[in-house]
Structure formats: C-alpha cells, structure tokens
Amino acid sequence: MNKELWKTDVNKKVSKIVIKDEDGILIQVEDGEDLEITAVHSSDCCEHVYGDFSSLSCHVSKIEGNELNTVAIKSVDGMGFLIVFELSWNQFVKVFVPCYNYQNGYYSSNLELSVRKGSVTTAIDITELVEDHID
C-alpha cells in the first residue's frame, strides 16, 4: 500500500516542467504558484544519497500544456516514492522516483523531500524509502 505523504490542489494549466539534474523538479503553472520538489541530503565525501528524478523526462509531454488538478506524493517503502499528477478528466500520470544510498555504512542515509508551493515549504522525511547499497 502506498501511503500518501503530501497532496495539494493546483487547478492550473502546466506551462513547463524543469528537471533539475537528479535532485528535483520545478512545475511552472500559468497564473499560479509554481511547485518545486527537491530531494535534500547533506553529503559527505564518500557517499551518495539521492532521489533520481530522471524518469520524469518520459512523462513531461503528457503533463505540460494540460490542466493539473492535484499533485500527490506517495511512499514506496525501501525503494522511493511516486509523484501522482491528476490531470483533468480523471487522468492520472504516476511517476516513480527511486531513491538510493551508496556508501560504506559510516555516513548518514537521511533523505528529505523539500516541497515548495509558492512561499510555503514543507519538509518530508523519506529516509525509510531509500534503497540501501552499503559496501
């Protein structure tokens, strides 16, 4: 079961989606508050803990130019999370964002989502959703 971690109403047309390397996305909407979702981890020299947003590139054309009713984030334990875009006419685009922890076990595996809608930012701990690769 995918637990809903966060959800917001948008009810605006999506003008553009920008994928920011591997750490996040920016959803620009017409006449409204943009939405930014970023994976945040305080990195050290010998580890890499991140959410891989690159899979979203396959879905951008389905979302851009359409009316976006809601955006939700749902957990996928030990693997990552889903971003669920509800478009008009009850159409859903679900994008899986895998989360990884590559290290030797000495460093922190904490991972957080920072979700900013307009001037409001929400922090969501997603450490339990990360797939561990400990050497």
C-alpha atoms as a PDB file:
ATOM      1  CA  MET A   1       0.000   0.000   0.000  1.00  0.00           C
ATOM      2  CA  ASN A   2       1.346   3.398  -0.964  1.00  0.00           C
ATOM      3  CA  LYS A   3       0.849   5.845   1.903  1.00  0.00           C
ATOM      4  CA  GLU A   4       0.080   9.411   0.867  1.00  0.00           C
ATOM      5  CA  LEU A   5       2.770  11.709   2.291  1.00  0.00           C
ATOM      6  CA  TRP A   6       1.630  15.034   0.819  1.00  0.00           C
ATOM      7  CA  LYS A   7      -1.017  16.402  -1.545  1.00  0.00           C
ATOM      8  CA  THR A   8      -2.014  19.804  -2.896  1.00  0.00           C
ATOM      9  CA  ASP A   9      -4.644  21.269  -5.186  1.00  0.00           C
ATOM     10  CA  VAL A  10      -3.256  23.102  -8.201  1.00  0.00           C
ATOM     11  CA  ASN A  11      -6.173  23.629 -10.633  1.00  0.00           C
ATOM     12  CA  LYS A  12      -3.952  25.427 -13.144  1.00  0.00           C
ATOM     13  CA  LYS A  13      -2.508  24.696 -16.572  1.00  0.00           C
ATOM     14  CA  VAL A  14       1.109  23.463 -16.526  1.00  0.00           C
ATOM     15  CA  SER A  15       3.282  25.709 -18.675  1.00  0.00           C
ATOM     16  CA  LYS A  16       6.585  23.901 -18.132  1.00  0.00           C
ATOM     17  CA  ILE A  17       8.293  21.166 -16.124  1.00  0.00           C
ATOM     18  CA  VAL A  18      12.012  21.550 -15.446  1.00  0.00           C
ATOM     19  CA  ILE A  19      14.018  18.526 -14.265  1.00  0.00           C
ATOM     20  CA  LYS A  20      16.904  19.806 -12.140  1.00  0.00           C
ATOM     21  CA  ASP A  21      19.721  17.269 -12.616  1.00  0.00           C
ATOM     22  CA  GLU A  22      18.953  14.320 -10.354  1.00  0.00           C
ATOM     23  CA  ASP A  23      17.799  16.235  -7.318  1.00  0.00           C
ATOM     24  CA  GLY A  24      14.397  17.670  -8.162  1.00  0.00           C
ATOM     25  CA  ILE A  25      11.765  19.191 -10.408  1.00  0.00           C
ATOM     26  CA  LEU A  26      10.096  22.544 -10.904  1.00  0.00           C
ATOM     27  CA  ILE A  27       6.487  22.615 -12.124  1.00  0.00           C
ATOM     28  CA  GLN A  28       5.612  26.005 -13.569  1.00  0.00           C
ATOM     29  CA  VAL A  29       1.905  26.805 -13.830  1.00  0.00           C
ATOM     30  CA  GLU A  30       0.030  29.605 -15.542  1.00  0.00           C
ATOM     31  CA  ASP A  31      -1.295  32.335 -13.234  1.00  0.00           C
ATOM     32  CA  GLY A  32      -0.468  30.483 -10.052  1.00  0.00           C
ATOM     33  CA  GLU A  33       2.113  29.287  -7.579  1.00  0.00           C
ATOM     34  CA  ASP A  34       4.926  27.180  -9.022  1.00  0.00           C
ATOM     35  CA  LEU A  35       5.649  23.868  -7.315  1.00  0.00           C
ATOM     36  CA  GLU A  36       9.173  22.623  -6.616  1.00  0.00           C
ATOM     37  CA  ILE A  37      10.058  19.160  -5.274  1.00  0.00           C
ATOM     38  CA  THR A  38      13.678  18.581  -4.262  1.00  0.00           C
ATOM     39  CA  ALA A  39      15.500  15.690  -2.569  1.00  0.00           C
ATOM     40  CA  VAL A  40      17.793  17.040   0.161  1.00  0.00           C
ATOM     41  CA  HIS A  41      20.757  15.293   1.816  1.00  0.00           C
ATOM     42  CA  SER A  42      23.822  16.790   3.496  1.00  0.00           C
ATOM     43  CA  SER A  43      26.500  14.877   1.605  1.00  0.00           C
ATOM     44  CA  ASP A  44      29.923  13.909   2.784  1.00  0.00           C
ATOM     45  CA  CYS A  45      32.885  12.920   0.633  1.00  0.00           C
ATOM     46  CA  CYS A  46      32.357   9.167   0.382  1.00  0.00           C
ATOM     47  CA  GLU A  47      28.610   8.713  -0.019  1.00  0.00           C
ATOM     48  CA  HIS A  48      25.766   9.457  -2.391  1.00  0.00           C
ATOM     49  CA  VAL A  49      22.166   9.599  -1.095  1.00  0.00           C
ATOM     50  CA  TYR A  50      19.634  10.917  -3.589  1.00  0.00           C
ATOM     51  CA  GLY A  51      16.309  10.704  -5.380  1.00  0.00           C
ATOM     52  CA  ASP A  52      16.608  10.086  -9.125  1.00  0.00           C
ATOM     53  CA  PHE A  53      14.071  12.333 -10.860  1.00  0.00           C
ATOM     54  CA  SER A  54      15.323  11.488 -14.379  1.00  0.00           C
ATOM     55  CA  SER A  55      12.418   9.089 -15.076  1.00  0.00           C
ATOM     56  CA  LEU A  56      10.118  12.115 -15.149  1.00  0.00           C
ATOM     57  CA  SER A  57      11.559  13.097 -18.547  1.00  0.00           C
ATOM     58  CA  CYS A  58       9.498  10.316 -20.169  1.00  0.00           C
ATOM     59  CA  HIS A  59       6.257  11.858 -18.818  1.00  0.00           C
ATOM     60  CA  VAL A  60       6.769  15.609 -19.310  1.00  0.00           C
ATOM     61  CA  SER A  61       4.914  15.710 -22.644  1.00  0.00           C
ATOM     62  CA  LYS A  62       1.842  14.093 -21.021  1.00  0.00           C
ATOM     63  CA  ILE A  63       1.675  16.804 -18.346  1.00  0.00           C
ATOM     64  CA  GLU A  64       2.830  20.067 -19.951  1.00  0.00           C
ATOM     65  CA  GLY A  65       0.015  22.088 -21.502  1.00  0.00           C
ATOM     66  CA  ASN A  66      -2.659  20.251 -19.522  1.00  0.00           C
ATOM     67  CA  GLU A  67      -4.811  21.322 -16.590  1.00  0.00           C
ATOM     68  CA  LEU A  68      -3.307  19.919 -13.384  1.00  0.00           C
ATOM     69  CA  ASN A  69      -5.900  19.308 -10.673  1.00  0.00           C
ATOM     70  CA  THR A  70      -3.704  17.870  -7.899  1.00  0.00           C
ATOM     71  CA  VAL A  71      -0.198  16.634  -7.146  1.00  0.00           C
ATOM     72  CA  ALA A  72       0.387  13.942  -4.530  1.00  0.00           C
ATOM     73  CA  ILE A  73       3.489  12.200  -3.193  1.00  0.00           C
ATOM     74  CA  LYS A  74       3.097   8.568  -2.106  1.00  0.00           C
ATOM     75  CA  SER A  75       5.586   6.265  -0.402  1.00  0.00           C
ATOM     76  CA  VAL A  76       7.120   3.118  -1.888  1.00  0.00           C
ATOM     77  CA  ASP A  77       8.909   1.582   1.117  1.00  0.00           C
ATOM     78  CA  GLY A  78      12.581   0.774   0.608  1.00  0.00           C
ATOM     79  CA  MET A  79      12.503   1.939  -2.998  1.00  0.00           C
ATOM     80  CA  GLY A  80      11.467   5.596  -3.379  1.00  0.00           C
ATOM     81  CA  PHE A  81       8.222   7.449  -3.955  1.00  0.00           C
ATOM     82  CA  LEU A  82       5.532   8.180  -6.520  1.00  0.00           C
ATOM     83  CA  ILE A  83       4.562  11.598  -7.768  1.00  0.00           C
ATOM     84  CA  VAL A  84       0.921  11.367  -8.832  1.00  0.00           C
ATOM     85  CA  PHE A  85      -0.301  14.057 -11.224  1.00  0.00           C
ATOM     86  CA  GLU A  86      -4.095  14.223 -11.522  1.00  0.00           C
ATOM     87  CA  LEU A  87      -4.975  15.892 -14.798  1.00  0.00           C
ATOM     88  CA  SER A  88      -8.430  16.947 -15.959  1.00  0.00           C
ATOM     89  CA  TRP A  89     -10.955  14.239 -16.861  1.00  0.00           C
ATOM     90  CA  ASN A  90      -9.649  11.957 -14.077  1.00  0.00           C
ATOM     91  CA  GLN A  91      -6.453  11.127 -15.946  1.00  0.00           C
ATOM     92  CA  PHE A  92      -3.505  10.183 -13.729  1.00  0.00           C
ATOM     93  CA  VAL A  93       0.196  10.229 -14.545  1.00  0.00           C
ATOM     94  CA  LYS A  94       2.188   8.318 -11.920  1.00  0.00           C
ATOM     95  CA  VAL A  95       5.960   8.759 -11.911  1.00  0.00           C
ATOM     96  CA  PHE A  96       8.196   6.559  -9.765  1.00  0.00           C
ATOM     97  CA  VAL A  97      11.263   8.323  -8.309  1.00  0.00           C
ATOM     98  CA  PRO A  98      13.769   5.759  -6.989  1.00  0.00           C
ATOM     99  CA  CYS A  99      15.910   6.793  -4.012  1.00  0.00           C
ATOM    100  CA  TYR A 100      19.400   5.404  -3.396  1.00  0.00           C
ATOM    101  CA  ASN A 101      22.005   5.297  -0.653  1.00  0.00           C
ATOM    102  CA  TYR A 102      25.516   4.359  -1.841  1.00  0.00           C
ATOM    103  CA  GLN A 103      28.129   4.297   0.920  1.00  0.00           C
ATOM    104  CA  ASN A 104      30.125   2.141   3.329  1.00  0.00           C
ATOM    105  CA  GLY A 105      27.658   2.460   6.234  1.00  0.00           C
ATOM    106  CA  TYR A 106      29.644   5.072   8.131  1.00  0.00           C
ATOM    107  CA  TYR A 107      27.675   8.089   6.891  1.00  0.00           C
ATOM    108  CA  SER A 108      24.099   9.264   7.315  1.00  0.00           C
ATOM    109  CA  SER A 109      21.453   7.865   4.985  1.00  0.00           C
ATOM    110  CA  ASN A 110      18.919  10.583   5.845  1.00  0.00           C
ATOM    111  CA  LEU A 111      16.950  11.884   2.881  1.00  0.00           C
ATOM    112  CA  GLU A 112      14.262  14.523   2.911  1.00  0.00           C
ATOM    113  CA  LEU A 113      11.907  15.985   0.348  1.00  0.00           C
ATOM    114  CA  SER A 114      11.543  19.725   0.294  1.00  0.00           C
ATOM    115  CA  VAL A 115       8.234  20.654  -1.329  1.00  0.00           C
ATOM    116  CA  ARG A 116       7.748  24.335  -2.079  1.00  0.00           C
ATOM    117  CA  LYS A 117       4.440  25.724  -3.332  1.00  0.00           C
ATOM    118  CA  GLY A 118       4.681  29.477  -3.734  1.00  0.00           C
ATOM    119  CA  SER A 119       6.157  30.781  -0.470  1.00  0.00           C
ATOM    120  CA  VAL A 120       5.271  27.714   1.648  1.00  0.00           C
ATOM    121  CA  THR A 121       7.877  24.946   2.054  1.00  0.00           C
ATOM    122  CA  THR A 122       7.128  21.550   3.566  1.00  0.00           C
ATOM    123  CA  ALA A 123       9.816  19.064   4.670  1.00  0.00           C
ATOM    124  CA  ILE A 124       9.053  15.336   4.422  1.00  0.00           C
ATOM    125  CA  ASP A 125      11.419  12.709   5.861  1.00  0.00           C
ATOM    126  CA  ILE A 126      11.780   9.914   3.293  1.00  0.00           C
ATOM    127  CA  THR A 127      14.753   8.090   4.844  1.00  0.00           C
ATOM    128  CA  GLU A 128      12.716   4.855   5.122  1.00  0.00           C
ATOM    129  CA  LEU A 129      12.023   4.971   1.386  1.00  0.00           C
ATOM    130  CA  VAL A 130      15.693   4.794   0.355  1.00  0.00           C
ATOM    131  CA  GLU A 131      17.200   1.647  -1.198  1.00  0.00           C
ATOM    132  CA  ASP A 132      20.484   0.942   0.642  1.00  0.00           C
ATOM    133  CA  HIS A 133      23.676  -0.132  -1.126  1.00  0.00           C
ATOM    134  CA  ILE A 134      26.195  -0.477   1.705  1.00  0.00           C
ATOM    135  CA  ASP A 135      29.688  -1.785   0.931  1.00  0.00           C
END
